[in-house]
């Protein structure tokens, strides 16, 4: 399933919408980034907070690098695009509250970034990979809609992975364990096919 390619547009939600949506969301963590064995397309893997279901999202190479750099605790000498976005938002007196993977449509994931400014919430459409990269930089919570998880989530089979890293910094994720997980999951379990290969962002 590919990352949404549409350009961001800002909308202000009606009162109570976010509360209603939160009831059908699950909190996610970023488990890691790797490359599929065939085609070398980057994949970011989100995991439900209880650690039993994984959500694979095919993304572009530049977005994968942005996510990996943050996971590994690398600080660029000058702000990169996602760092700049966070700096602009902060300079405008807003805060990144959360990002949400809202839907899966036509093999494409869609996401929203929720900002808070002067007590009001502002929702911005975003590619999922960009939303994740920004969330990591802003220490914002990541959520995914239950329907998206039910449709595209992958249940971990066999021995459960070591979840002790959940208490550590994101840069200390066991990447070898992540790659081993990907090697044991078939393309059918990812619910994708050759016609669903993502476009590079």
Foldseek 3Di string as FASTA:
>chain_A
DEWDPDDKDKDFDDPPPVVVQVVQKFWWDWQAWFAAPPPRFIWTWIAGPVQFKIFIYGAAPVLNVLLLCLLQPHDDPDDDDLSVVCVVCVVVQKAFAEKEQEDADPLYTKIWTWIAHPNGIMIMTDTPSSRNSNCSVRVHIYIYGNVSCVVFMAGQDDDRDDPPCVPPGSNPRDVVVVVVSSVVDDVVSRVDDPVSDYDHD
